[in-house]
Amino acid sequence: MQASTVAITGGTGFVGRHLAERMPPGSAVVISRRTGVDVEDVEALTAAFAGCDVVAHCAGINREIGDQTYERVHVRGTATVIEAAKRAGVRKIIMLSFLRARPSCGSPYHESKWAAEELIRASGLDYTILKAGMIYGRGDHLVDHLSRTVQTIPIFATVGFREKPIRPIPIEDLTDVLEAAVNGRMPRATVAVVGAEQLLLSKAVRRVAAVLGRRVVVVPAPVWALYALAQLTEWTMTVPLVAKAQVRMLAEGVVDAAPPAASVPDDLLPRRRFTAEQIRSALPEPGGFGLRDLRLFADR
């Protein structure tokens, strides 16, 4: 099959950047606010999509800041992407959603991702919606934050007195699935993507700490306390230690799709476990959190 030309919204973000790097030279158009294209600007998106066969819609946020709301980015932004794709003659949209995105669940993040999914399914275009769980790799919010946390203070609080499991996905495995969708697989499908290994977040923390040669004490904490911490860090940090949407994810567990969705084809199932080798490949530069991570000191 001839390689497709793909436009990647959120192309400078964690997932979008890895997908762009995977594409053959000259076959990816990277689109983001950093490249001067707003996800609600239909004219600019139409021009950016010109000549592209596929749009990989990876743009998204895990917290609201100013006018960057879930409604604006996830819902209205997706509607604009669909309209621009139709104008530009794009044949397929691939959307990166969340494993447990669903309606009427009380979480604006989950509900807005679900609303975006529904817009894609009703668009009339070919599509693949990837309901992905927790993704990790260099530049992520999982290993990055866990490693910096244990290097700052050797204490980790669980999300709830009874932890729920996660199935972390290496970015390499997720990119394999995205690339297959770009090349025509999983047409008109909504599929769940989860990692090969199921474990508790506290166990993941201990593995990260072991790779770093650190000791960490895990203490149980109620979910409400983590919501309070999330609100505080959303107010005070440039990239929050944890966002409220992430607390909701961890309180529920990130293992099963809601509503249920088909799995990816067997040859695309993630196979890499959360091993020391995988953790090392995802680690950021050494160091914990400091004043530079606070909004008050970010520009100083």
Protein backbone atom coordinates (compact mmCIF):
# COMPACT_ATOMS: atom_id res chain seq x y z
CA MET A 1 0.00 0.00 0.00
CA GLN A 2 1.24 3.46 -0.85
CA ALA A 3 2.16 5.46 2.23
CA SER A 4 -0.55 7.88 3.32
CA THR A 5 0.05 11.56 3.95
CA VAL A 6 -1.18 12.28 7.45
CA ALA A 7 -1.98 15.56 9.21
CA ILE A 8 -1.44 15.29 12.96
CA THR A 9 -3.33 17.65 15.26
CA GLY A 10 -1.55 18.05 18.56
CA GLY A 11 1.51 17.14 16.52
CA THR A 12 3.98 18.70 18.96
CA GLY A 13 2.45 16.92 21.95
CA PHE A 14 3.56 13.62 23.48
CA VAL A 15 1.67 11.18 21.23
CA GLY A 16 1.55 13.37 18.13
CA ARG A 17 5.30 13.92 18.20
CA HIS A 18 6.02 10.19 18.36
CA LEU A 19 3.63 9.48 15.49
CA ALA A 20 5.22 12.20 13.35
CA GLU A 21 8.66 10.71 13.98
CA ARG A 22 7.41 7.29 12.86
CA MET A 23 6.06 8.51 9.52
CA PRO A 24 8.22 8.38 6.35
CA PRO A 25 10.02 11.65 5.51
CA GLY A 26 7.67 14.21 4.01
CA SER A 27 4.49 12.25 4.81
CA ALA A 28 3.46 14.02 8.04
CA VAL A 29 2.03 17.52 8.50
CA VAL A 30 2.42 18.61 12.12
CA ILE A 31 -0.37 20.89 13.37
CA SER A 32 -0.64 22.55 16.78
CA ARG A 33 -0.97 25.92 18.44
CA ARG A 34 2.84 26.02 18.43
CA THR A 35 2.81 25.84 14.63
CA GLY A 36 0.29 28.70 14.51
CA VAL A 37 -2.89 26.73 13.79
CA ASP A 38 -5.78 26.84 16.25
CA VAL A 39 -7.95 23.73 16.45
CA GLU A 40 -11.08 25.92 16.02
CA ASP A 41 -9.83 27.75 12.90
CA VAL A 42 -11.57 25.88 10.10
CA GLU A 43 -9.91 27.86 7.31
CA ALA A 44 -6.40 27.31 8.67
CA LEU A 45 -7.09 23.62 9.28
CA THR A 46 -8.52 23.17 5.79
CA ALA A 47 -5.36 24.66 4.31
CA ALA A 48 -3.17 22.49 6.56
CA PHE A 49 -5.08 19.33 5.60
CA ALA A 50 -4.76 19.99 1.85
CA GLY A 51 -3.21 16.99 0.12
CA CYS A 52 -3.55 14.74 3.18
CA ASP A 53 -5.29 11.37 3.06
CA VAL A 54 -5.68 10.96 6.81
CA VAL A 55 -6.00 13.17 9.89
CA ALA A 56 -4.67 11.79 13.17
CA HIS A 57 -6.55 13.86 15.73
CA CYS A 58 -4.27 13.74 18.78
CA ALA A 59 -5.03 17.21 20.17
CA GLY A 60 -6.35 17.17 23.73
CA ILE A 61 -5.94 18.53 27.26
CA ASN A 62 -6.14 16.92 30.70
CA ARG A 63 -6.96 20.14 32.55
CA GLU A 64 -8.66 23.42 31.67
CA ILE A 65 -6.62 26.63 31.54
CA GLY A 66 -8.25 29.91 30.55
CA ASP A 67 -10.04 29.54 27.21
CA GLN A 68 -8.57 26.06 26.72
CA THR A 69 -11.63 24.26 28.03
CA TYR A 70 -12.73 20.67 27.42
CA GLU A 71 -15.73 21.94 25.47
CA ARG A 72 -13.57 24.14 23.25
CA VAL A 73 -10.68 21.76 22.63
CA HIS A 74 -12.33 18.34 22.66
CA VAL A 75 -15.83 19.05 21.36
CA ARG A 76 -15.78 22.20 19.25
CA GLY A 77 -12.24 21.46 18.14
CA THR A 78 -13.23 18.01 16.89
CA ALA A 79 -16.24 19.44 15.05
CA THR A 80 -13.91 21.88 13.31
CA VAL A 81 -11.45 19.12 12.42
CA ILE A 82 -14.28 17.13 10.82
CA GLU A 83 -15.49 20.11 8.79
CA ALA A 84 -11.97 20.98 7.63
CA ALA A 85 -11.28 17.33 6.73
CA LYS A 86 -14.39 17.22 4.54
CA ARG A 87 -13.45 20.47 2.81
CA ALA A 88 -9.91 19.22 2.17
CA GLY A 89 -10.98 15.83 0.82
CA VAL A 90 -9.50 13.79 3.68
CA ARG A 91 -10.73 10.19 3.58
CA LYS A 92 -10.20 9.12 7.20
CA ILE A 93 -9.94 10.55 10.72
CA ILE A 94 -8.14 8.74 13.52
CA MET A 95 -9.02 10.01 16.97
CA LEU A 96 -7.06 9.41 20.14
CA SER A 97 -9.63 9.14 22.93
CA PHE A 98 -9.54 7.80 26.48
CA LEU A 99 -10.31 4.23 27.54
CA ARG A 100 -13.16 5.18 29.85
CA ALA A 101 -14.60 8.18 28.00
CA ARG A 102 -18.36 7.93 28.32
CA PRO A 103 -21.48 10.10 28.76
CA SER A 104 -23.22 11.22 31.94
CA CYS A 105 -20.47 10.13 34.34
CA GLY A 106 -19.89 13.45 36.13
CA SER A 107 -16.42 14.10 34.70
CA PRO A 108 -16.17 16.90 32.11
CA TYR A 109 -12.99 15.32 30.71
CA HIS A 110 -14.58 11.90 30.12
CA GLU A 111 -17.83 13.37 28.82
CA SER A 112 -16.13 15.75 26.38
CA LYS A 113 -13.96 12.97 24.97
CA TRP A 114 -17.09 10.86 24.48
CA ALA A 115 -18.88 13.74 22.74
CA ALA A 116 -15.91 14.03 20.38
CA GLU A 117 -16.07 10.29 19.66
CA GLU A 118 -19.74 10.59 18.77
CA LEU A 119 -19.02 13.45 16.37
CA ILE A 120 -16.40 11.32 14.60
CA ARG A 121 -18.71 8.30 14.35
CA ALA A 122 -21.49 10.47 12.88
CA SER A 123 -19.20 12.34 10.46
CA GLY A 124 -19.76 10.13 7.42
CA LEU A 125 -16.00 9.75 7.01
CA ASP A 126 -14.01 6.60 7.58
CA TYR A 127 -12.57 6.61 11.09
CA THR A 128 -10.69 4.73 13.76
CA ILE A 129 -11.22 5.77 17.37
CA LEU A 130 -8.55 4.53 19.77
CA LYS A 131 -9.79 4.39 23.36
CA ALA A 132 -6.36 4.30 24.98
CA GLY A 133 -5.42 3.77 28.59
CA MET A 134 -2.40 5.32 30.35
CA ILE A 135 0.47 5.92 27.93
CA TYR A 136 4.10 6.23 28.93
CA GLY A 137 7.42 7.04 27.28
CA ARG A 138 9.97 9.84 27.12
CA GLY A 139 8.07 13.10 27.62
CA ASP A 140 5.00 11.51 29.21
CA HIS A 141 3.09 12.41 32.40
CA LEU A 142 3.44 8.97 33.99
CA VAL A 143 7.09 7.96 34.33
CA ASP A 144 8.13 11.62 34.21
CA HIS A 145 6.00 12.60 37.21
CA LEU A 146 6.59 9.39 39.16
CA SER A 147 10.37 9.67 38.78
CA ARG A 148 10.47 13.35 39.69
CA THR A 149 8.16 12.74 42.66
CA VAL A 150 10.37 10.04 44.23
CA GLN A 151 13.41 12.25 43.67
CA THR A 152 11.67 15.13 45.50
CA ILE A 153 10.07 13.34 48.44
CA PRO A 154 10.20 9.57 49.08
CA ILE A 155 6.49 9.29 49.88
CA PHE A 156 3.71 8.29 47.50
CA ALA A 157 -0.01 8.49 48.30
CA THR A 158 -2.37 5.98 46.74
CA VAL A 159 -5.56 7.15 45.04
CA GLY A 160 -8.03 5.65 47.47
CA PHE A 161 -7.59 3.19 50.32
CA ARG A 162 -8.22 0.33 47.88
CA GLU A 163 -6.22 0.94 44.73
CA LYS A 164 -7.59 0.12 41.30
CA PRO A 165 -5.28 -1.40 38.66
CA ILE A 166 -3.83 0.15 35.52
CA ARG A 167 -2.41 -1.30 32.30
CA PRO A 168 0.22 1.20 31.10
CA ILE A 169 0.91 1.33 27.35
CA PRO A 170 4.40 2.05 26.00
CA ILE A 171 4.30 4.83 23.43
CA GLU A 172 6.02 2.50 20.94
CA ASP A 173 3.11 0.06 21.12
CA LEU A 174 0.50 2.78 20.80
CA THR A 175 2.34 4.27 17.83
CA ASP A 176 2.25 0.85 16.14
CA VAL A 177 -1.55 0.93 16.41
CA LEU A 178 -1.76 4.52 15.18
CA GLU A 179 0.48 3.75 12.21
CA ALA A 180 -1.67 0.74 11.28
CA ALA A 181 -4.79 2.93 11.40
CA VAL A 182 -3.10 5.54 9.20
CA ASN A 183 -2.41 2.79 6.67
CA GLY A 184 -6.04 1.75 6.47
CA ARG A 185 -6.55 -0.84 9.17
CA MET A 186 -9.48 -0.88 11.64
CA PRO A 187 -11.89 1.01 9.34
CA ARG A 188 -15.01 2.46 10.96
CA ALA A 189 -14.00 0.97 14.29
CA THR A 190 -13.79 2.02 17.92
CA VAL A 191 -11.12 -0.05 19.63
CA ALA A 192 -9.64 -0.24 23.13
CA VAL A 193 -5.87 -0.12 23.59
CA VAL A 194 -4.35 -1.20 26.90
CA GLY A 195 -0.91 -2.37 27.95
CA ALA A 196 0.27 -5.96 28.28
CA GLU A 197 0.69 -5.89 32.06
CA GLN A 198 -1.85 -5.14 34.78
CA LEU A 199 -0.53 -3.70 38.03
CA LEU A 200 -1.29 -1.19 40.76
CA LEU A 201 0.11 2.33 40.46
CA SER A 202 1.93 1.84 43.78
CA LYS A 203 3.78 -1.11 42.26
CA ALA A 204 4.66 1.01 39.23
CA VAL A 205 6.01 3.67 41.63
CA ARG A 206 8.19 1.12 43.39
CA ARG A 207 9.59 -0.09 40.06
CA VAL A 208 10.44 3.46 39.00
CA ALA A 209 12.06 4.12 42.38
CA ALA A 210 14.10 0.91 42.11
CA VAL A 211 15.41 1.93 38.68
CA LEU A 212 16.45 5.27 40.20
CA GLY A 213 18.05 3.60 43.20
CA ARG A 214 15.58 5.27 45.55
CA ARG A 215 13.39 4.01 48.35
CA VAL A 216 9.77 5.11 48.52
CA VAL A 217 7.12 4.76 51.20
CA VAL A 218 3.59 4.17 49.90
CA VAL A 219 0.81 5.49 52.13
CA PRO A 220 -2.93 5.01 51.62
CA ALA A 221 -4.95 8.18 51.08
CA PRO A 222 -8.64 8.89 50.43
CA VAL A 223 -9.69 9.92 46.95
CA TRP A 224 -10.93 13.30 48.19
CA ALA A 225 -7.43 14.15 49.42
CA LEU A 226 -6.00 13.49 45.97
CA TYR A 227 -8.69 15.69 44.40
CA ALA A 228 -7.64 18.47 46.78
CA LEU A 229 -3.99 17.95 45.86
CA ALA A 230 -4.90 17.98 42.16
CA GLN A 231 -6.77 21.27 42.50
CA LEU A 232 -3.85 22.81 44.37
CA THR A 233 -1.28 21.68 41.79
CA GLU A 234 -3.48 22.79 38.89
CA TRP A 235 -3.55 26.25 40.44
CA THR A 236 0.13 26.47 41.27
CA MET A 237 2.19 24.33 38.84
CA THR A 238 2.94 24.84 35.16
CA VAL A 239 2.36 21.11 34.64
CA PRO A 240 0.38 19.77 37.61
CA LEU A 241 1.76 16.92 39.65
CA VAL A 242 -1.67 15.36 39.09
CA ALA A 243 -4.80 16.75 37.42
CA LYS A 244 -8.36 16.22 38.64
CA ALA A 245 -9.15 14.22 35.50
CA GLN A 246 -6.22 11.93 36.27
CA VAL A 247 -7.43 11.38 39.83
CA ARG A 248 -10.80 10.30 38.42
CA MET A 249 -9.03 7.89 36.04
CA LEU A 250 -6.96 6.32 38.81
CA ALA A 251 -9.90 6.12 41.23
CA GLU A 252 -11.81 4.05 38.64
CA GLY A 253 -8.89 2.01 37.36
CA VAL A 254 -7.59 2.09 33.81
CA VAL A 255 -8.06 -1.48 32.62
CA ASP A 256 -11.42 -1.90 30.88
CA ALA A 257 -13.09 0.25 28.24
CA ALA A 258 -16.32 2.00 29.19
CA PRO A 259 -18.54 1.47 27.35
CA PRO A 260 -17.06 -1.85 26.16
CA ALA A 261 -15.11 -1.68 22.90
CA ALA A 262 -13.42 -4.20 20.65
CA SER A 263 -9.74 -4.92 21.12
CA VAL A 264 -7.13 -4.12 18.49
CA PRO A 265 -6.16 -6.98 16.12
CA ASP A 266 -3.96 -9.64 17.72
CA ASP A 267 -0.82 -8.62 15.83
CA LEU A 268 -1.16 -5.07 17.19
CA LEU A 269 -1.77 -5.96 20.83
CA PRO A 270 0.76 -4.18 23.07
CA ARG A 271 3.32 -6.72 24.25
CA ARG A 272 5.92 -4.71 26.18
CA ARG A 273 5.60 -4.96 29.96
CA PHE A 274 6.39 -2.21 32.47
CA THR A 275 9.96 -3.39 32.95
CA ALA A 276 13.10 -1.68 34.21
CA GLU A 277 14.30 -1.40 30.62
CA GLN A 278 11.09 0.29 29.51
CA ILE A 279 11.21 2.62 32.51
CA ARG A 280 14.82 3.63 31.77
CA SER A 281 13.90 4.49 28.19
CA ALA A 282 11.12 6.77 29.45
CA LEU A 283 13.00 8.58 32.23
CA PRO A 284 13.44 12.35 31.95
CA GLU A 285 16.66 14.11 32.87
CA PRO A 286 17.59 13.47 36.52
CA GLY A 287 16.05 15.76 39.11
CA GLY A 288 12.96 16.34 41.19
CA PHE A 289 10.38 19.10 41.29
CA GLY A 290 11.58 22.60 42.12
CA LEU A 291 10.68 26.27 41.96
CA ARG A 292 10.89 26.22 38.16
CA ASP A 293 7.77 24.02 38.15
CA LEU A 294 5.67 26.65 39.92
CA ARG A 295 3.76 29.20 37.87
CA LEU A 296 4.99 31.97 40.15
CA PHE A 297 8.60 31.30 39.17
CA ALA A 298 8.14 29.86 35.66
CA ASP A 299 9.16 33.04 33.82
CA ARG A 300 11.95 34.07 36.18
